C-alpha atoms as a PDB file:
ATOM      1  CA  MET A   1      -3.996  11.640  16.650  1.00  0.00           C
ATOM      2  CA  ALA A   2      -6.948  13.282  18.070  1.00  0.00           C
ATOM      3  CA  GLN A   3     -10.050  11.761  17.144  1.00  0.00           C
ATOM      4  CA  ASP A   4     -11.468  15.383  16.795  1.00  0.00           C
ATOM      5  CA  GLN A   5      -9.279  16.105  13.906  1.00  0.00           C
ATOM      6  CA  HIS A   6     -11.086  18.052  10.753  1.00  0.00           C
ATOM      7  CA  LEU A   7     -12.121  15.771   8.221  1.00  0.00           C
ATOM      8  CA  THR A   8     -11.612  16.814   4.840  1.00  0.00           C
ATOM      9  CA  GLY A   9     -14.503  14.701   3.343  1.00  0.00           C
ATOM     10  CA  ARG A  10     -11.963  13.820   0.660  1.00  0.00           C
ATOM     11  CA  GLU A  11     -12.237  10.050  -0.384  1.00  0.00           C
ATOM     12  CA  ARG A  12      -8.538   7.959  -0.807  1.00  0.00           C
ATOM     13  CA  PHE A  13      -8.366   5.471  -3.052  1.00  0.00           C
ATOM     14  CA  PHE A  14      -5.630   2.543  -3.795  1.00  0.00           C
ATOM     15  CA  PRO A  15      -5.359   0.388  -6.903  1.00  0.00           C
ATOM     16  CA  GLU A  16      -7.265  -2.675  -6.888  1.00  0.00           C
ATOM     17  CA  GLU A  17      -4.203  -5.093  -7.164  1.00  0.00           C
ATOM     18  CA  ASP A  18      -2.607  -3.728  -3.688  1.00  0.00           C
ATOM     19  CA  VAL A  19      -3.072  -4.989  -0.752  1.00  0.00           C
ATOM     20  CA  ILE A  20      -2.570  -2.688   2.771  1.00  0.00           C
ATOM     21  CA  VAL A  21      -0.803  -4.974   5.050  1.00  0.00           C
ATOM     22  CA  THR A  22      -0.321  -3.861   8.835  1.00  0.00           C
ATOM     23  CA  LYS A  23       0.882  -6.550  11.660  1.00  0.00           C
ATOM     24  CA  THR A  24       0.377  -5.861  15.225  1.00  0.00           C
ATOM     25  CA  ASP A  25       1.467  -6.778  19.087  1.00  0.00           C
ATOM     26  CA  ARG A  26      -1.545  -8.242  21.244  1.00  0.00           C
ATOM     27  CA  SER A  27      -2.374  -4.438  22.209  1.00  0.00           C
ATOM     28  CA  GLY A  28      -2.708  -2.870  18.927  1.00  0.00           C
ATOM     29  CA  LYS A  29       0.722  -1.439  18.411  1.00  0.00           C
ATOM     30  CA  ILE A  30       1.759  -1.713  15.107  1.00  0.00           C
ATOM     31  CA  THR A  31       4.845  -4.019  14.381  1.00  0.00           C
ATOM     32  CA  TYR A  32       5.113  -4.036  10.742  1.00  0.00           C
ATOM     33  CA  ALA A  33       3.346  -1.716   8.035  1.00  0.00           C
ATOM     34  CA  ASN A  34       3.842  -1.947   4.595  1.00  0.00           C
ATOM     35  CA  ASP A  35       4.741   1.043   1.840  1.00  0.00           C
ATOM     36  CA  ILE A  36       0.878   1.064   0.716  1.00  0.00           C
ATOM     37  CA  PHE A  37      -0.619   1.229   4.469  1.00  0.00           C
ATOM     38  CA  LEU A  38       2.315   4.153   4.753  1.00  0.00           C
ATOM     39  CA  SER A  39       1.342   5.921   1.875  1.00  0.00           C
ATOM     40  CA  ILE A  40      -2.583   5.927   1.787  1.00  0.00           C
ATOM     41  CA  SER A  41      -2.832   6.832   5.555  1.00  0.00           C
ATOM     42  CA  SER A  42      -0.267   9.681   5.076  1.00  0.00           C
ATOM     43  CA  LEU A  43       2.347   8.288   7.938  1.00  0.00           C
ATOM     44  CA  THR A  44       5.735   7.522   7.669  1.00  0.00           C
ATOM     45  CA  GLU A  45       7.319   4.314   9.012  1.00  0.00           C
ATOM     46  CA  ARG A  46       8.554   6.141  12.240  1.00  0.00           C
ATOM     47  CA  GLN A  47       5.262   7.669  12.968  1.00  0.00           C
ATOM     48  CA  ALA A  48       3.588   3.991  12.445  1.00  0.00           C
ATOM     49  CA  LEU A  49       5.264   1.746  14.193  1.00  0.00           C
ATOM     50  CA  GLY A  50       4.830   1.406  17.989  1.00  0.00           C
ATOM     51  CA  ALA A  51       1.812   3.682  17.401  1.00  0.00           C
ATOM     52  CA  PRO A  52      -1.876   1.975  18.272  1.00  0.00           C
ATOM     53  CA  HIS A  53      -3.377   0.927  15.063  1.00  0.00           C
ATOM     54  CA  SER A  54      -6.460   3.605  16.235  1.00  0.00           C
ATOM     55  CA  ILE A  55      -3.929   5.931  14.865  1.00  0.00           C
ATOM     56  CA  ILE A  56      -6.091   5.982  11.655  1.00  0.00           C
ATOM     57  CA  ARG A  57      -9.668   5.248  13.366  1.00  0.00           C
ATOM     58  CA  HIS A  58     -12.284   7.473  11.568  1.00  0.00           C
ATOM     59  CA  PRO A  59     -14.632   9.210  14.198  1.00  0.00           C
ATOM     60  CA  HIS A  60     -17.684   7.761  11.647  1.00  0.00           C
ATOM     61  CA  MET A  61     -16.739   4.375  12.289  1.00  0.00           C
ATOM     62  CA  PRO A  62     -18.970   2.469  14.857  1.00  0.00           C
ATOM     63  CA  GLY A  63     -17.318   1.071  17.783  1.00  0.00           C
ATOM     64  CA  CYS A  64     -19.374  -1.470  17.984  1.00  0.00           C
ATOM     65  CA  VAL A  65     -18.027  -3.204  14.653  1.00  0.00           C
ATOM     66  CA  PHE A  66     -14.539  -2.778  16.211  1.00  0.00           C
ATOM     67  CA  ARG A  67     -15.946  -4.493  19.544  1.00  0.00           C
ATOM     68  CA  LEU A  68     -16.801  -7.617  17.152  1.00  0.00           C
ATOM     69  CA  LEU A  69     -13.716  -7.697  15.517  1.00  0.00           C
ATOM     70  CA  TRP A  70     -11.453  -7.766  18.628  1.00  0.00           C
ATOM     71  CA  ASP A  71     -13.710  -9.887  20.257  1.00  0.00           C
ATOM     72  CA  THR A  72     -13.342 -11.820  17.466  1.00  0.00           C
ATOM     73  CA  VAL A  73      -9.712 -12.051  16.594  1.00  0.00           C
ATOM     74  CA  GLN A  74      -8.935 -11.809  20.637  1.00  0.00           C
ATOM     75  CA  SER A  75     -11.032 -15.422  20.924  1.00  0.00           C
ATOM     76  CA  GLY A  76      -8.738 -16.867  18.029  1.00  0.00           C
ATOM     77  CA  GLY A  77     -10.900 -16.216  15.208  1.00  0.00           C
ATOM     78  CA  GLU A  78     -10.595 -14.457  11.970  1.00  0.00           C
ATOM     79  CA  ILE A  79     -13.140 -11.713  10.841  1.00  0.00           C
ATOM     80  CA  PHE A  80     -13.815  -9.675   7.424  1.00  0.00           C
ATOM     81  CA  ALA A  81     -15.003  -6.660   7.673  1.00  0.00           C
ATOM     82  CA  TYR A  82     -15.655  -3.037   6.142  1.00  0.00           C
ATOM     83  CA  VAL A  83     -13.840  -0.293   7.806  1.00  0.00           C
ATOM     84  CA  LEU A  84     -13.648   3.202   6.999  1.00  0.00           C
ATOM     85  CA  ASN A  85     -10.184   4.979   8.122  1.00  0.00           C
ATOM     86  CA  ARG A  86      -8.560   8.312   8.296  1.00  0.00           C
ATOM     87  CA  ALA A  87      -5.535   9.442   6.944  1.00  0.00           C
ATOM     88  CA  THR A  88      -3.419  11.971   9.213  1.00  0.00           C
ATOM     89  CA  THR A  89      -4.399  14.378   6.326  1.00  0.00           C
ATOM     90  CA  GLY A  90      -8.275  14.363   7.309  1.00  0.00           C
ATOM     91  CA  ASP A  91      -8.785  12.088   4.300  1.00  0.00           C
ATOM     92  CA  HIS A  92     -10.934   8.906   4.241  1.00  0.00           C
ATOM     93  CA  TYR A  93     -10.659   5.445   2.530  1.00  0.00           C
ATOM     94  CA  TRP A  94     -12.736   2.398   3.149  1.00  0.00           C
ATOM     95  CA  VAL A  95     -11.100  -1.063   3.066  1.00  0.00           C
ATOM     96  CA  PHE A  96     -12.379  -4.932   3.380  1.00  0.00           C
ATOM     97  CA  ALA A  97     -10.238  -5.979   5.888  1.00  0.00           C
ATOM     98  CA  HIS A  98      -9.323  -9.406   6.632  1.00  0.00           C
ATOM     99  CA  VAL A  99      -7.889  -9.724  10.075  1.00  0.00           C
ATOM    100  CA  THR A 100      -6.305 -12.785  12.010  1.00  0.00           C
ATOM    101  CA  PRO A 101      -4.208 -13.362  15.176  1.00  0.00           C
ATOM    102  CA  THR A 102      -0.632 -14.477  14.602  1.00  0.00           C
ATOM    103  CA  TYR A 103       0.780 -17.453  16.604  1.00  0.00           C
ATOM    104  CA  ASP A 104       3.770 -18.587  17.902  1.00  0.00           C
ATOM    105  CA  GLY A 105       5.348 -22.408  17.430  1.00  0.00           C
ATOM    106  CA  SER A 106       3.364 -23.240  20.972  1.00  0.00           C
ATOM    107  CA  GLY A 107       0.179 -21.807  19.796  1.00  0.00           C
ATOM    108  CA  THR A 108       0.375 -18.412  21.708  1.00  0.00           C
ATOM    109  CA  VAL A 109      -1.538 -15.626  20.433  1.00  0.00           C
ATOM    110  CA  THR A 110       1.299 -13.059  19.818  1.00  0.00           C
ATOM    111  CA  GLY A 111      -0.346 -10.160  17.543  1.00  0.00           C
ATOM    112  CA  TYR A 112      -2.722  -9.846  14.759  1.00  0.00           C
ATOM    113  CA  HIS A 113      -2.020  -9.685  11.073  1.00  0.00           C
ATOM    114  CA  SER A 114      -4.451  -7.271   8.564  1.00  0.00           C
ATOM    115  CA  SER A 115      -4.600  -7.459   4.930  1.00  0.00           C
ATOM    116  CA  ARG A 116      -7.196  -5.125   3.182  1.00  0.00           C
ATOM    117  CA  ARG A 117      -8.517  -4.801  -0.021  1.00  0.00           C
ATOM    118  CA  VAL A 118     -10.106  -2.395  -1.952  1.00  0.00           C
ATOM    119  CA  PRO A 119     -13.817  -3.046  -1.350  1.00  0.00           C
ATOM    120  CA  ASP A 120     -16.859  -2.986  -3.792  1.00  0.00           C
ATOM    121  CA  PRO A 121     -18.131   0.847  -3.685  1.00  0.00           C
ATOM    122  CA  GLY A 122     -21.764  -0.502  -4.611  1.00  0.00           C
ATOM    123  CA  ILE A 123     -21.753  -2.423  -1.296  1.00  0.00           C
ATOM    124  CA  VAL A 124     -20.043   0.532   0.777  1.00  0.00           C
ATOM    125  CA  ALA A 125     -22.334   3.260  -0.633  1.00  0.00           C
ATOM    126  CA  GLY A 126     -25.517   0.846  -0.822  1.00  0.00           C
ATOM    127  CA  THR A 127     -25.418  -1.225   2.418  1.00  0.00           C
ATOM    128  CA  ILE A 128     -22.261  -0.515   4.739  1.00  0.00           C
ATOM    129  CA  ALA A 129     -22.526   2.857   4.733  1.00  0.00           C
ATOM    130  CA  PRO A 130     -25.894   3.369   5.650  1.00  0.00           C
ATOM    131  CA  LEU A 131     -25.936   0.682   8.223  1.00  0.00           C
ATOM    132  CA  TYR A 132     -22.833   2.351   9.854  1.00  0.00           C
ATOM    133  CA  ARG A 133     -24.538   5.574  10.036  1.00  0.00           C
ATOM    134  CA  GLU A 134     -27.570   3.861  11.760  1.00  0.00           C
ATOM    135  CA  LEU A 135     -25.023   1.819  14.296  1.00  0.00           C
ATOM    136  CA  LEU A 136     -23.066   5.119  15.257  1.00  0.00           C
ATOM    137  CA  GLU A 137     -26.423   7.229  15.653  1.00  0.00           C
ATOM    138  CA  ILE A 138     -27.215   4.261  18.412  1.00  0.00           C
ATOM    139  CA  GLU A 139     -23.955   4.770  19.914  1.00  0.00           C
ATOM    140  CA  ARG A 140     -24.277   8.260  20.283  1.00  0.00           C
ATOM    141  CA  GLN A 141     -27.403   8.209  21.920  1.00  0.00           C
ATOM    142  CA  GLY A 142     -25.940   6.005  24.657  1.00  0.00           C
ATOM    143  CA  ALA A 143     -25.890   7.314  28.172  1.00  0.00           C
ATOM    144  CA  THR A 144     -21.799   6.526  28.151  1.00  0.00           C
ATOM    145  CA  ARG A 145     -19.414   5.131  25.291  1.00  0.00           C
ATOM    146  CA  ALA A 146     -19.793   1.713  26.315  1.00  0.00           C
ATOM    147  CA  LYS A 147     -23.793   1.705  26.934  1.00  0.00           C
ATOM    148  CA  GLY A 148     -23.722   3.149  23.168  1.00  0.00           C
ATOM    149  CA  ILE A 149     -21.659   0.510  21.873  1.00  0.00           C
ATOM    150  CA  GLU A 150     -23.678  -2.009  23.427  1.00  0.00           C
ATOM    151  CA  ALA A 151     -26.818  -0.840  22.187  1.00  0.00           C
ATOM    152  CA  GLY A 152     -25.156  -0.548  18.340  1.00  0.00           C
ATOM    153  CA  LEU A 153     -23.976  -4.304  18.861  1.00  0.00           C
ATOM    154  CA  GLY A 154     -27.619  -5.099  20.206  1.00  0.00           C
ATOM    155  CA  ARG A 155     -29.000  -3.350  16.768  1.00  0.00           C
ATOM    156  CA  LEU A 156     -26.332  -5.144  14.542  1.00  0.00           C
ATOM    157  CA  ASP A 157     -27.370  -8.690  16.367  1.00  0.00           C
ATOM    158  CA  ALA A 158     -30.981  -7.984  15.661  1.00  0.00           C
ATOM    159  CA  MET A 159     -30.162  -6.890  11.607  1.00  0.00           C
ATOM    160  CA  LEU A 160     -28.183 -10.597  11.468  1.00  0.00           C
ATOM    161  CA  LYS A 161     -30.846 -12.934  13.361  1.00  0.00           C
ATOM    162  CA  ASP A 162     -33.548 -11.266  11.163  1.00  0.00           C
ATOM    163  CA  ARG A 163     -31.452 -11.817   7.719  1.00  0.00           C
ATOM    164  CA  GLY A 164     -30.733 -15.356   9.420  1.00  0.00           C
ATOM    165  CA  LEU A 165     -27.146 -14.679   9.080  1.00  0.00           C
ATOM    166  CA  ASP A 166     -24.260 -14.429  11.528  1.00  0.00           C
ATOM    167  CA  TYR A 167     -21.762 -11.378  10.955  1.00  0.00           C
ATOM    168  CA  GLU A 168     -19.576 -13.357   8.447  1.00  0.00           C
ATOM    169  CA  ARG A 169     -22.341 -14.826   6.244  1.00  0.00           C
ATOM    170  CA  PHE A 170     -23.413 -11.325   6.369  1.00  0.00           C
ATOM    171  CA  VAL A 171     -20.603  -9.682   5.238  1.00  0.00           C
ATOM    172  CA  PHE A 172     -19.749 -12.534   2.104  1.00  0.00           C
ATOM    173  CA  SER A 173     -23.512 -12.625   1.089  1.00  0.00           C
ATOM    174  CA  LEU A 174     -22.731  -8.842  -0.122  1.00  0.00           C
ATOM    175  CA  GLN A 175     -20.289 -10.086  -2.339  1.00  0.00           C
ATOM    176  CA  ALA A 176     -23.014 -12.082  -4.136  1.00  0.00           C
END
């Protein structure tokens, strides 16, 4: 799905009791997708399996947040993050994601597992969406995409330092 695909501006929702689940290989290609993921993303199983997870990437989602997410899980950690995704229709949906590495019996990372729940709409509207707009604007001002992402990470790190929090504590502080 091309990044410049038409955006409808329509938000999709899923029931609070539902959990979106996907699994990927180490390169981020989808190896499993539950029916809830397929439904909200408007993908068939055939379209999803083997596709890069970025197939649902929304162009208004800051790259620096994905960098933080991937750096964390690729180093063996887990992360909770708010993510704006895009369905193939151009609609969007927010999730509160928990992403973890998947290990084989010998302790080698074989892929990643993501469970996503309905985020608190007040947290998204009041904190996350404005922060992500700011980070995205910083990224767009970079001379290159990579420099923009680095600048966005710098701003995110400065914001966290000002609050005396690491990313995980920041995310969970919003839940209180």
